Each structure stands twice: as C-alpha cells, then as structure tokens.
Amino acid sequence: MRFVNFIIYAIGSWFSAFVLAVFFGLRVVGTHNLPRRGGVLIVANHQSFLDPVAIGCGRSRHFHFLARKTLFANPLFGWLLRRLNCVPIDQEGIGIEGIRNIIARLQAGHPVLVFPEGERTHDGRLQDLRPGIALLFKRVTAPIVPVGIAGAYEAWPRWRKLPVPAPVFLAPSRRSIAVAYGAPRDARELVRMPREEMLALLRSDIAQLIKDADAIRRT
C-alpha cells in the first residue's frame, strides 16, 4: 500500500504541476531552501484551495497536509486524500489534534505543510498568525521553512465556487500564481523569543516571500 500511495502521489504531483504551469502560469523560486531529507515544517500564507497544490506539486519530496474531516465524508474523495498524504482533523487551523499529527509526521521524517493563519484570507491580505503555531514550535526540532504564495487569491477567492484560470497562451493576468520558498529557521531559536515577537518575525518572513512571489508572477 505504501508503494501504491507513493505512485499515486507522484503522478498527481507532477500532473498538478503541469496543469498549474499551463493554466495558471505557475512559477516557483527558492526550492533549494527545502531540505532534501528529514522532517521539515513548511509554513505558508493561505489564499485559496489552490495553495497546497501550488506549494507541494512537482517537488522531489512528498508533502503531508492537514485537512478538515468533512472533506473525507465522500468515501472515494476521502480515499484519494489519504493517498495524497492528507491527515483528517476536526477543525481548520492548528489545534491539539493537528499538533499531534504534525509532530508524528515530522518525527517520521516527512515535510509537513501548515497554514498558521488558520483559514483562507477573506481579502487577499496576509492575516495575523494564530497563537497555536507557537505551541507547535515548542515541540518541533525540525527546520521551519517559510513560504509565500501570490496570485492564488485572485485565481480562486473563497467566495468563488470554482477557480478562474490564466492560461499561458493568453495575455498575462493577475490570476497567475507564484511561490517563493524562504531560508529555513531553527525552531529552537524561535521559542526563545516572546510569543508575540516570534509570531511577528515569522509573519514578516512570509510577508516578504509573498512580495518575492508577486515579483516573479506572469502579470
């Protein structure tokens, strides 16, 4: 079953990378900042349902994700989500259950993607980070890689039922998507800071990376 999961994820990842590159002009920078082995916590802003796909697709490593249990209600879709390394949790954001799942995946040597804002942005802007991420950092020894994504909100805001593409064979559009990976941070250094200072620093990292991603977009 593990081999089957690997194959399904690999096919889905590279197919998604192709689709996003063609229909949303996906561009990515800074992938050298992603450690090649061992557990790594990836923290990113949350613009739309496209974020996990855009950030994780086409990478040599297979990411793990948290997903609301309601998304697993459909047996077939739930089966597919599990094959794609999605872990069901009771709530959006990073609660106690989410922290336990993240720690387990990191200890097993996997890269795990989380969204410390806790939910998709309502207006496209970066929101404040939820305090729960501070609790997570206190139990993490893996490197923390900040990520910024730009254009996913324009392509699929939370109030729209379906995304609107920006194909590369048409004129450039604000709906094109880009992702920027930042330099890893040491969780042990972050937890020495006061909580508000730590959250402000991480939010500043992500904000800068959103600007870096926006600068390379096809607009």
Protein backbone atom coordinates (compact mmCIF):
# COMPACT_ATOMS: atom_id res chain seq x y z
CA MET A 1 0.00 0.00 0.00
CA ARG A 2 2.87 2.40 0.75
CA PHE A 3 4.23 1.90 -2.78
CA VAL A 4 0.75 2.49 -4.23
CA ASN A 5 0.47 5.71 -2.24
CA PHE A 6 3.88 6.81 -3.50
CA ILE A 7 2.92 6.23 -7.13
CA ILE A 8 -0.47 7.95 -6.82
CA TYR A 9 1.10 10.97 -5.11
CA ALA A 10 3.93 11.19 -7.66
CA ILE A 11 1.56 11.07 -10.63
CA GLY A 12 -0.82 13.55 -9.03
CA SER A 13 2.02 15.89 -8.07
CA TRP A 14 3.59 16.15 -11.49
CA PHE A 15 0.23 16.27 -13.28
CA SER A 16 -0.81 19.14 -10.99
CA ALA A 17 2.48 20.92 -11.69
CA PHE A 18 1.81 20.66 -15.42
CA VAL A 19 -1.79 21.90 -15.11
CA LEU A 20 -0.83 24.84 -12.90
CA ALA A 21 2.08 25.77 -15.16
CA VAL A 22 -0.13 25.79 -18.27
CA PHE A 23 -3.37 27.20 -16.88
CA PHE A 24 -2.09 29.45 -14.09
CA GLY A 25 1.45 30.23 -15.25
CA LEU A 26 2.90 28.76 -12.04
CA ARG A 27 6.41 29.96 -11.21
CA VAL A 28 8.47 28.84 -8.21
CA VAL A 29 11.69 30.16 -6.66
CA GLY A 30 13.81 29.18 -3.67
CA THR A 31 13.23 25.42 -3.75
CA HIS A 32 16.89 24.96 -2.75
CA ASN A 33 15.78 26.11 0.72
CA LEU A 34 13.75 22.92 1.18
CA PRO A 35 15.92 20.31 2.99
CA ARG A 36 16.40 17.17 0.92
CA ARG A 37 15.79 14.76 3.79
CA GLY A 38 14.38 14.61 7.29
CA GLY A 39 11.36 16.27 8.84
CA VAL A 40 10.70 19.88 7.86
CA LEU A 41 7.82 22.18 8.80
CA ILE A 42 6.65 24.41 5.94
CA VAL A 43 4.58 27.45 6.98
CA ALA A 44 2.76 29.50 4.33
CA ASN A 45 0.07 32.10 3.83
CA HIS A 46 -3.36 30.78 2.87
CA GLN A 47 -5.06 32.41 -0.12
CA SER A 48 -7.18 29.63 -1.62
CA PHE A 49 -7.75 25.91 -2.05
CA LEU A 50 -5.01 26.02 -4.70
CA ASP A 51 -2.31 26.74 -2.11
CA PRO A 52 -1.41 23.17 -1.04
CA VAL A 53 -1.24 22.04 -4.65
CA ALA A 54 0.82 25.01 -5.85
CA ILE A 55 3.27 24.76 -2.95
CA GLY A 56 3.67 20.98 -2.94
CA CYS A 57 3.34 19.90 -6.57
CA GLY A 58 6.38 18.96 -8.61
CA ARG A 59 8.70 18.74 -5.61
CA SER A 60 11.09 15.83 -5.23
CA ARG A 61 9.74 15.28 -1.70
CA HIS A 62 6.18 14.26 -0.92
CA PHE A 63 4.47 16.75 1.38
CA HIS A 64 1.97 15.92 4.13
CA PHE A 65 -1.08 18.09 4.77
CA LEU A 66 -3.81 18.66 7.35
CA ALA A 67 -7.39 18.61 6.08
CA ARG A 68 -10.79 19.03 7.73
CA LYS A 69 -12.59 15.75 8.41
CA THR A 70 -15.61 16.98 6.45
CA LEU A 71 -13.55 16.70 3.26
CA PHE A 72 -13.29 12.94 3.86
CA ALA A 73 -17.07 12.42 4.02
CA ASN A 74 -17.19 11.17 0.44
CA PRO A 75 -15.58 7.69 0.52
CA LEU A 76 -13.91 7.99 -2.88
CA PHE A 77 -12.59 11.52 -2.30
CA GLY A 78 -11.52 10.56 1.23
CA TRP A 79 -9.59 7.58 -0.17
CA LEU A 80 -7.83 9.86 -2.64
CA LEU A 81 -6.98 12.45 0.04
CA ARG A 82 -5.32 9.76 2.15
CA ARG A 83 -3.30 8.57 -0.83
CA LEU A 84 -2.14 12.21 -1.19
CA ASN A 85 -0.85 12.30 2.42
CA CYS A 86 -3.75 14.32 3.83
CA VAL A 87 -4.45 13.88 7.54
CA PRO A 88 -8.04 14.45 8.76
CA ILE A 89 -8.53 16.84 11.69
CA ASP A 90 -11.63 18.20 13.43
CA GLN A 91 -11.02 21.88 12.77
CA GLU A 92 -9.37 24.33 10.43
CA GLY A 93 -6.13 25.67 11.85
CA ILE A 94 -3.68 24.14 14.29
CA GLY A 95 -5.40 22.69 17.36
CA ILE A 96 -4.18 19.98 19.71
CA GLU A 97 -5.15 17.20 17.31
CA GLY A 98 -3.36 18.96 14.47
CA ILE A 99 -0.21 19.42 16.57
CA ARG A 100 -0.09 15.72 17.41
CA ASN A 101 -0.46 14.74 13.77
CA ILE A 102 2.19 17.22 12.66
CA ILE A 103 4.70 16.03 15.27
CA ALA A 104 4.15 12.40 14.30
CA ARG A 105 4.75 13.14 10.61
CA LEU A 106 7.84 15.24 11.33
CA GLN A 107 9.31 12.55 13.56
CA ALA A 108 8.78 10.09 10.73
CA GLY A 109 10.96 12.34 8.55
CA HIS A 110 8.30 13.91 6.35
CA PRO A 111 7.84 17.53 5.19
CA VAL A 112 4.57 18.92 6.58
CA LEU A 113 2.76 21.99 5.23
CA VAL A 114 0.68 24.14 7.61
CA PHE A 115 -1.12 27.46 7.31
CA PRO A 116 -0.63 29.43 10.55
CA GLU A 117 -3.36 31.94 9.63
CA GLY A 118 -5.80 29.09 10.30
CA GLU A 119 -8.11 29.82 7.35
CA ARG A 120 -8.16 31.24 3.85
CA THR A 121 -7.85 35.00 3.65
CA HIS A 122 -11.06 36.96 3.10
CA ASP A 123 -9.47 39.84 1.19
CA GLY A 124 -6.18 38.52 -0.22
CA ARG A 125 -4.03 40.10 2.50
CA LEU A 126 -1.87 38.20 4.97
CA GLN A 127 -3.73 37.78 8.27
CA ASP A 128 -2.34 37.59 11.78
CA LEU A 129 -0.86 34.22 12.72
CA ARG A 130 -2.82 32.21 15.25
CA PRO A 131 -1.21 31.61 18.66
CA GLY A 132 -1.49 27.82 18.17
CA ILE A 133 1.57 27.90 15.92
CA ALA A 134 3.65 28.97 18.93
CA LEU A 135 2.56 25.82 20.79
CA LEU A 136 3.63 23.76 17.79
CA PHE A 137 7.08 25.35 17.63
CA LYS A 138 7.75 24.42 21.26
CA ARG A 139 7.56 20.75 20.27
CA VAL A 140 9.31 20.96 16.90
CA THR A 141 13.02 20.30 16.39
CA ALA A 142 12.83 20.17 12.59
CA PRO A 143 13.80 23.19 10.47
CA ILE A 144 10.99 25.62 9.65
CA VAL A 145 10.74 26.85 6.05
CA PRO A 146 8.54 29.93 5.43
CA VAL A 147 6.75 30.15 2.09
CA GLY A 148 4.87 32.92 0.32
CA ILE A 149 2.26 32.38 -2.39
CA ALA A 150 0.84 35.11 -4.63
CA GLY A 151 -1.98 35.07 -7.16
CA ALA A 152 -3.98 32.17 -5.70
CA TYR A 153 -6.49 34.57 -4.14
CA GLU A 154 -7.13 36.27 -7.49
CA ALA A 155 -7.43 32.86 -9.16
CA TRP A 156 -9.80 31.38 -6.59
CA PRO A 157 -11.05 33.64 -3.76
CA ARG A 158 -13.04 31.95 -1.03
CA TRP A 159 -16.31 33.49 -2.25
CA ARG A 160 -15.98 31.92 -5.73
CA LYS A 161 -17.15 28.34 -6.28
CA LEU A 162 -14.55 27.49 -8.92
CA PRO A 163 -11.15 28.89 -9.92
CA VAL A 164 -10.68 31.13 -12.96
CA PRO A 165 -7.56 30.16 -14.94
CA ALA A 166 -4.94 32.40 -16.51
CA PRO A 167 -3.54 30.24 -19.35
CA VAL A 168 -0.02 30.95 -20.56
CA PHE A 169 -1.25 31.07 -24.16
CA LEU A 170 -3.35 34.15 -23.32
CA ALA A 171 -2.34 37.62 -22.12
CA PRO A 172 -0.71 37.82 -18.65
CA SER A 173 -3.14 38.08 -15.76
CA ARG A 174 -3.22 38.82 -12.03
CA ARG A 175 -4.64 35.30 -11.67
CA SER A 176 -1.26 33.76 -12.43
CA ILE A 177 0.36 32.08 -9.43
CA ALA A 178 3.88 32.11 -7.99
CA VAL A 179 5.50 30.54 -4.92
CA ALA A 180 8.66 31.60 -3.07
CA TYR A 181 10.46 29.39 -0.53
CA GLY A 182 12.49 31.15 2.15
CA ALA A 183 15.59 30.18 4.13
CA PRO A 184 14.93 27.70 6.97
CA ARG A 185 14.67 28.91 10.56
CA ASP A 186 15.61 26.96 13.68
CA ALA A 187 12.57 26.30 15.87
CA ARG A 188 14.79 26.21 18.95
CA GLU A 189 15.81 29.81 18.35
CA LEU A 190 12.24 30.93 17.72
CA VAL A 191 10.90 29.54 21.00
CA ARG A 192 13.45 31.55 22.97
CA MET A 193 11.63 34.70 21.85
CA PRO A 194 8.47 36.11 23.47
CA ARG A 195 5.45 34.70 21.66
CA GLU A 196 4.39 37.97 20.03
CA GLU A 197 7.93 38.64 18.80
CA MET A 198 8.18 35.13 17.37
CA LEU A 199 4.86 35.41 15.55
CA ALA A 200 5.78 38.85 14.23
CA LEU A 201 9.10 37.55 12.90
CA LEU A 202 7.51 34.61 11.13
CA ARG A 203 4.75 36.80 9.71
CA SER A 204 7.43 39.21 8.43
CA ASP A 205 9.23 36.30 6.72
CA ILE A 206 6.04 35.20 4.98
CA ALA A 207 5.11 38.77 4.02
CA GLN A 208 8.48 39.28 2.33
CA LEU A 209 8.16 35.98 0.49
CA ILE A 210 4.70 36.96 -0.76
CA LYS A 211 6.36 40.05 -2.27
CA ASP A 212 9.11 37.86 -3.78
CA ALA A 213 6.49 35.58 -5.30
CA ASP A 214 4.45 38.50 -6.60
CA ALA A 215 7.55 39.93 -8.29
CA ILE A 216 8.01 36.83 -10.48
CA ARG A 217 4.37 36.36 -11.42
CA ARG A 218 3.33 36.47 -15.07
CA THR A 219 1.35 39.72 -14.92
